[in-house]
Amino acid sequence: MRKIRPIRLWGVLAVAVLAGLAGGCGTDPSSAHARRAVQTFYAALERHDGAGACEELSDDTRSSLETSEKKPCDQAVFSLGLSPSSIAAVHVYVTSAEATLTRGEAVFLDQTPQGWKISAIGCKPQHERPYDCELQA
């Protein structure tokens, strides 16, 4: 019977773990996809396309907006007073992502079966407290 050398076994285990992480268990950890969702949202706002902007919101976030503004999402999204900004960085954390805008605000996203969707937007950092967001689920 042949012995497996420990280094080879650890190498096989490492490859297996990395392959599992790369697969993401059905998630899409790509920061490019999260970035695209934020860019699409702001581009729709610039075109005054409320329906297009709302397509980038998660179902819960869209519902929260409609409830708080007492209007359909495609109208209510403009009451947030959000202005376009460039994306400085995107960080993906398995099924969640954070896009930091150049003006210092953040946009939070969740991976859904329909792709990356915005779960909180217009989020301003607070000294030693959680972000204060214009809209969140």
C-alpha atoms as a PDB file:
ATOM      1  CA  MET A   1       0.000   0.000   0.000  1.00  0.00           C
ATOM      2  CA  ARG A   2       1.349   3.371  -1.013  1.00  0.00           C
ATOM      3  CA  LYS A   3       1.422   6.263   1.434  1.00  0.00           C
ATOM      4  CA  ILE A   4       0.235   9.699   0.308  1.00  0.00           C
ATOM      5  CA  ARG A   5       2.754  12.313   1.187  1.00  0.00           C
ATOM      6  CA  PRO A   6       1.239  15.037   3.435  1.00  0.00           C
ATOM      7  CA  ILE A   7       2.288  17.866   1.127  1.00  0.00           C
ATOM      8  CA  ARG A   8       0.462  16.322  -1.825  1.00  0.00           C
ATOM      9  CA  LEU A   9      -2.673  15.773   0.290  1.00  0.00           C
ATOM     10  CA  TRP A  10      -2.656  19.388   1.457  1.00  0.00           C
ATOM     11  CA  GLY A  11      -2.177  20.517  -2.131  1.00  0.00           C
ATOM     12  CA  VAL A  12      -5.190  18.499  -3.252  1.00  0.00           C
ATOM     13  CA  LEU A  13      -7.277  19.867  -0.371  1.00  0.00           C
ATOM     14  CA  ALA A  14      -6.210  23.430  -1.153  1.00  0.00           C
ATOM     15  CA  VAL A  15      -7.188  23.040  -4.804  1.00  0.00           C
ATOM     16  CA  ALA A  16     -10.567  21.562  -3.788  1.00  0.00           C
ATOM     17  CA  VAL A  17     -11.270  24.430  -1.381  1.00  0.00           C
ATOM     18  CA  LEU A  18     -10.251  27.064  -3.936  1.00  0.00           C
ATOM     19  CA  ALA A  19     -12.419  25.433  -6.599  1.00  0.00           C
ATOM     20  CA  GLY A  20     -15.376  25.532  -4.209  1.00  0.00           C
ATOM     21  CA  LEU A  21     -14.769  29.187  -3.457  1.00  0.00           C
ATOM     22  CA  ALA A  22     -14.396  30.043  -7.132  1.00  0.00           C
ATOM     23  CA  GLY A  23     -17.710  28.358  -7.827  1.00  0.00           C
ATOM     24  CA  GLY A  24     -19.264  30.469  -5.098  1.00  0.00           C
ATOM     25  CA  CYS A  25     -22.047  27.978  -4.447  1.00  0.00           C
ATOM     26  CA  GLY A  26     -24.192  29.563  -7.142  1.00  0.00           C
ATOM     27  CA  THR A  27     -23.255  33.163  -6.405  1.00  0.00           C
ATOM     28  CA  ASP A  28     -21.542  35.627  -8.689  1.00  0.00           C
ATOM     29  CA  PRO A  29     -18.774  37.282  -6.651  1.00  0.00           C
ATOM     30  CA  SER A  30     -17.627  39.421  -9.570  1.00  0.00           C
ATOM     31  CA  SER A  31     -17.150  43.046  -8.625  1.00  0.00           C
ATOM     32  CA  ALA A  32     -17.653  43.936 -12.291  1.00  0.00           C
ATOM     33  CA  HIS A  33     -21.268  42.744 -12.129  1.00  0.00           C
ATOM     34  CA  ALA A  34     -21.941  44.669  -8.907  1.00  0.00           C
ATOM     35  CA  ARG A  35     -20.301  47.766 -10.416  1.00  0.00           C
ATOM     36  CA  ARG A  36     -22.486  47.441 -13.513  1.00  0.00           C
ATOM     37  CA  ALA A  37     -25.675  47.355 -11.392  1.00  0.00           C
ATOM     38  CA  VAL A  38     -24.727  50.634  -9.676  1.00  0.00           C
ATOM     39  CA  GLN A  39     -23.726  52.252 -12.971  1.00  0.00           C
ATOM     40  CA  THR A  40     -26.987  51.133 -14.594  1.00  0.00           C
ATOM     41  CA  PHE A  41     -28.999  52.576 -11.700  1.00  0.00           C
ATOM     42  CA  TYR A  42     -27.363  56.010 -11.899  1.00  0.00           C
ATOM     43  CA  ALA A  43     -27.469  56.044 -15.717  1.00  0.00           C
ATOM     44  CA  ALA A  44     -31.228  55.387 -15.566  1.00  0.00           C
ATOM     45  CA  LEU A  45     -31.654  58.270 -13.099  1.00  0.00           C
ATOM     46  CA  GLU A  46     -29.747  60.571 -15.453  1.00  0.00           C
ATOM     47  CA  ARG A  47     -32.065  59.582 -18.323  1.00  0.00           C
ATOM     48  CA  HIS A  48     -35.089  60.155 -16.053  1.00  0.00           C
ATOM     49  CA  ASP A  49     -35.922  56.468 -16.483  1.00  0.00           C
ATOM     50  CA  GLY A  50     -37.489  55.618 -13.131  1.00  0.00           C
ATOM     51  CA  ALA A  51     -38.519  52.129 -14.231  1.00  0.00           C
ATOM     52  CA  GLY A  52     -34.961  51.367 -15.340  1.00  0.00           C
ATOM     53  CA  ALA A  53     -33.545  52.589 -12.025  1.00  0.00           C
ATOM     54  CA  CYS A  54     -36.071  50.515 -10.073  1.00  0.00           C
ATOM     55  CA  GLU A  55     -35.023  47.365 -11.955  1.00  0.00           C
ATOM     56  CA  GLU A  56     -31.647  47.632 -10.204  1.00  0.00           C
ATOM     57  CA  LEU A  57     -33.229  47.686  -6.714  1.00  0.00           C
ATOM     58  CA  SER A  58     -33.876  44.533  -4.712  1.00  0.00           C
ATOM     59  CA  ASP A  59     -37.530  43.610  -4.246  1.00  0.00           C
ATOM     60  CA  ASP A  60     -37.405  44.566  -0.554  1.00  0.00           C
ATOM     61  CA  THR A  61     -35.726  47.905  -1.277  1.00  0.00           C
ATOM     62  CA  ARG A  62     -38.258  48.731  -4.001  1.00  0.00           C
ATOM     63  CA  SER A  63     -41.113  47.857  -1.637  1.00  0.00           C
ATOM     64  CA  SER A  64     -39.594  49.979   1.145  1.00  0.00           C
ATOM     65  CA  LEU A  65     -39.346  52.966  -1.225  1.00  0.00           C
ATOM     66  CA  GLU A  66     -42.932  52.619  -2.428  1.00  0.00           C
ATOM     67  CA  THR A  67     -44.215  52.304   1.138  1.00  0.00           C
ATOM     68  CA  SER A  68     -42.276  55.300   2.469  1.00  0.00           C
ATOM     69  CA  GLU A  69     -43.074  57.580  -0.484  1.00  0.00           C
ATOM     70  CA  LYS A  70     -46.610  56.261  -1.117  1.00  0.00           C
ATOM     71  CA  LYS A  71     -45.893  56.249  -4.862  1.00  0.00           C
ATOM     72  CA  PRO A  72     -44.893  53.647  -7.431  1.00  0.00           C
ATOM     73  CA  CYS A  73     -41.137  53.046  -7.495  1.00  0.00           C
ATOM     74  CA  ASP A  74     -40.651  54.612 -10.946  1.00  0.00           C
ATOM     75  CA  GLN A  75     -41.889  57.935  -9.525  1.00  0.00           C
ATOM     76  CA  ALA A  76     -40.650  57.606  -5.939  1.00  0.00           C
ATOM     77  CA  VAL A  77     -37.018  56.955  -6.906  1.00  0.00           C
ATOM     78  CA  PHE A  78     -36.624  60.605  -7.966  1.00  0.00           C
ATOM     79  CA  SER A  79     -37.673  61.868  -4.518  1.00  0.00           C
ATOM     80  CA  LEU A  80     -34.459  60.446  -3.043  1.00  0.00           C
ATOM     81  CA  GLY A  81     -32.452  63.361  -4.460  1.00  0.00           C
ATOM     82  CA  LEU A  82     -29.591  61.105  -5.552  1.00  0.00           C
ATOM     83  CA  SER A  83     -27.079  62.556  -7.961  1.00  0.00           C
ATOM     84  CA  PRO A  84     -24.716  60.518 -10.130  1.00  0.00           C
ATOM     85  CA  SER A  85     -21.193  59.896  -8.948  1.00  0.00           C
ATOM     86  CA  SER A  86     -18.274  57.823 -10.120  1.00  0.00           C
ATOM     87  CA  ILE A  87     -17.489  54.552  -8.403  1.00  0.00           C
ATOM     88  CA  ALA A  88     -14.189  54.604  -6.533  1.00  0.00           C
ATOM     89  CA  ALA A  89     -14.125  50.938  -5.473  1.00  0.00           C
ATOM     90  CA  VAL A  90     -16.260  47.810  -5.251  1.00  0.00           C
ATOM     91  CA  HIS A  91     -15.735  45.134  -2.623  1.00  0.00           C
ATOM     92  CA  VAL A  92     -17.549  41.795  -2.842  1.00  0.00           C
ATOM     93  CA  TYR A  93     -18.189  39.718   0.274  1.00  0.00           C
ATOM     94  CA  VAL A  94     -19.590  36.387  -1.044  1.00  0.00           C
ATOM     95  CA  THR A  95     -23.251  37.389  -1.615  1.00  0.00           C
ATOM     96  CA  SER A  96     -23.034  41.066  -0.611  1.00  0.00           C
ATOM     97  CA  ALA A  97     -21.124  43.961  -2.096  1.00  0.00           C
ATOM     98  CA  GLU A  98     -20.267  47.559  -1.278  1.00  0.00           C
ATOM     99  CA  ALA A  99     -19.619  50.183  -3.922  1.00  0.00           C
ATOM    100  CA  THR A 100     -17.866  53.277  -2.598  1.00  0.00           C
ATOM    101  CA  LEU A 101     -18.578  56.404  -4.615  1.00  0.00           C
ATOM    102  CA  THR A 102     -16.015  59.146  -5.198  1.00  0.00           C
ATOM    103  CA  ARG A 103     -18.084  61.583  -3.144  1.00  0.00           C
ATOM    104  CA  GLY A 104     -17.758  59.281  -0.099  1.00  0.00           C
ATOM    105  CA  GLU A 105     -21.184  57.662  -0.103  1.00  0.00           C
ATOM    106  CA  ALA A 106     -21.720  53.929  -0.375  1.00  0.00           C
ATOM    107  CA  VAL A 107     -24.149  51.666  -2.183  1.00  0.00           C
ATOM    108  CA  PHE A 108     -24.800  48.179  -0.817  1.00  0.00           C
ATOM    109  CA  LEU A 109     -25.866  45.272  -3.001  1.00  0.00           C
ATOM    110  CA  ASP A 110     -27.035  41.704  -2.546  1.00  0.00           C
ATOM    111  CA  GLN A 111     -26.619  38.790  -4.934  1.00  0.00           C
ATOM    112  CA  THR A 112     -30.064  37.558  -5.992  1.00  0.00           C
ATOM    113  CA  PRO A 113     -31.226  34.983  -8.538  1.00  0.00           C
ATOM    114  CA  GLN A 114     -31.633  37.960 -10.928  1.00  0.00           C
ATOM    115  CA  GLY A 115     -28.058  39.167 -10.322  1.00  0.00           C
ATOM    116  CA  TRP A 116     -26.691  41.963  -8.147  1.00  0.00           C
ATOM    117  CA  LYS A 117     -29.456  44.226  -6.794  1.00  0.00           C
ATOM    118  CA  ILE A 118     -29.147  47.377  -4.710  1.00  0.00           C
ATOM    119  CA  SER A 119     -30.254  46.887  -1.108  1.00  0.00           C
ATOM    120  CA  ALA A 120     -29.219  50.307   0.252  1.00  0.00           C
ATOM    121  CA  ILE A 121     -28.245  53.527  -1.499  1.00  0.00           C
ATOM    122  CA  GLY A 122     -27.251  57.065  -0.596  1.00  0.00           C
ATOM    123  CA  CYS A 123     -25.409  55.740   2.457  1.00  0.00           C
ATOM    124  CA  LYS A 124     -23.245  58.236   4.302  1.00  0.00           C
ATOM    125  CA  PRO A 125     -20.662  57.088   6.835  1.00  0.00           C
ATOM    126  CA  GLN A 126     -21.281  58.153  10.430  1.00  0.00           C
ATOM    127  CA  HIS A 127     -18.463  58.498  12.926  1.00  0.00           C
ATOM    128  CA  GLU A 128     -18.319  55.171  14.830  1.00  0.00           C
ATOM    129  CA  ARG A 129     -21.936  54.350  13.875  1.00  0.00           C
ATOM    130  CA  PRO A 130     -23.591  52.475  11.029  1.00  0.00           C
ATOM    131  CA  TYR A 131     -24.127  54.202   7.699  1.00  0.00           C
ATOM    132  CA  ASP A 132     -27.104  56.553   7.350  1.00  0.00           C
ATOM    133  CA  CYS A 133     -28.832  55.585   4.098  1.00  0.00           C
ATOM    134  CA  GLU A 134     -31.376  57.468   2.015  1.00  0.00           C
ATOM    135  CA  LEU A 135     -32.985  54.150   1.078  1.00  0.00           C
ATOM    136  CA  GLN A 136     -32.616  50.652   2.464  1.00  0.00           C
ATOM    137  CA  ALA A 137     -34.741  47.541   2.747  1.00  0.00           C
END
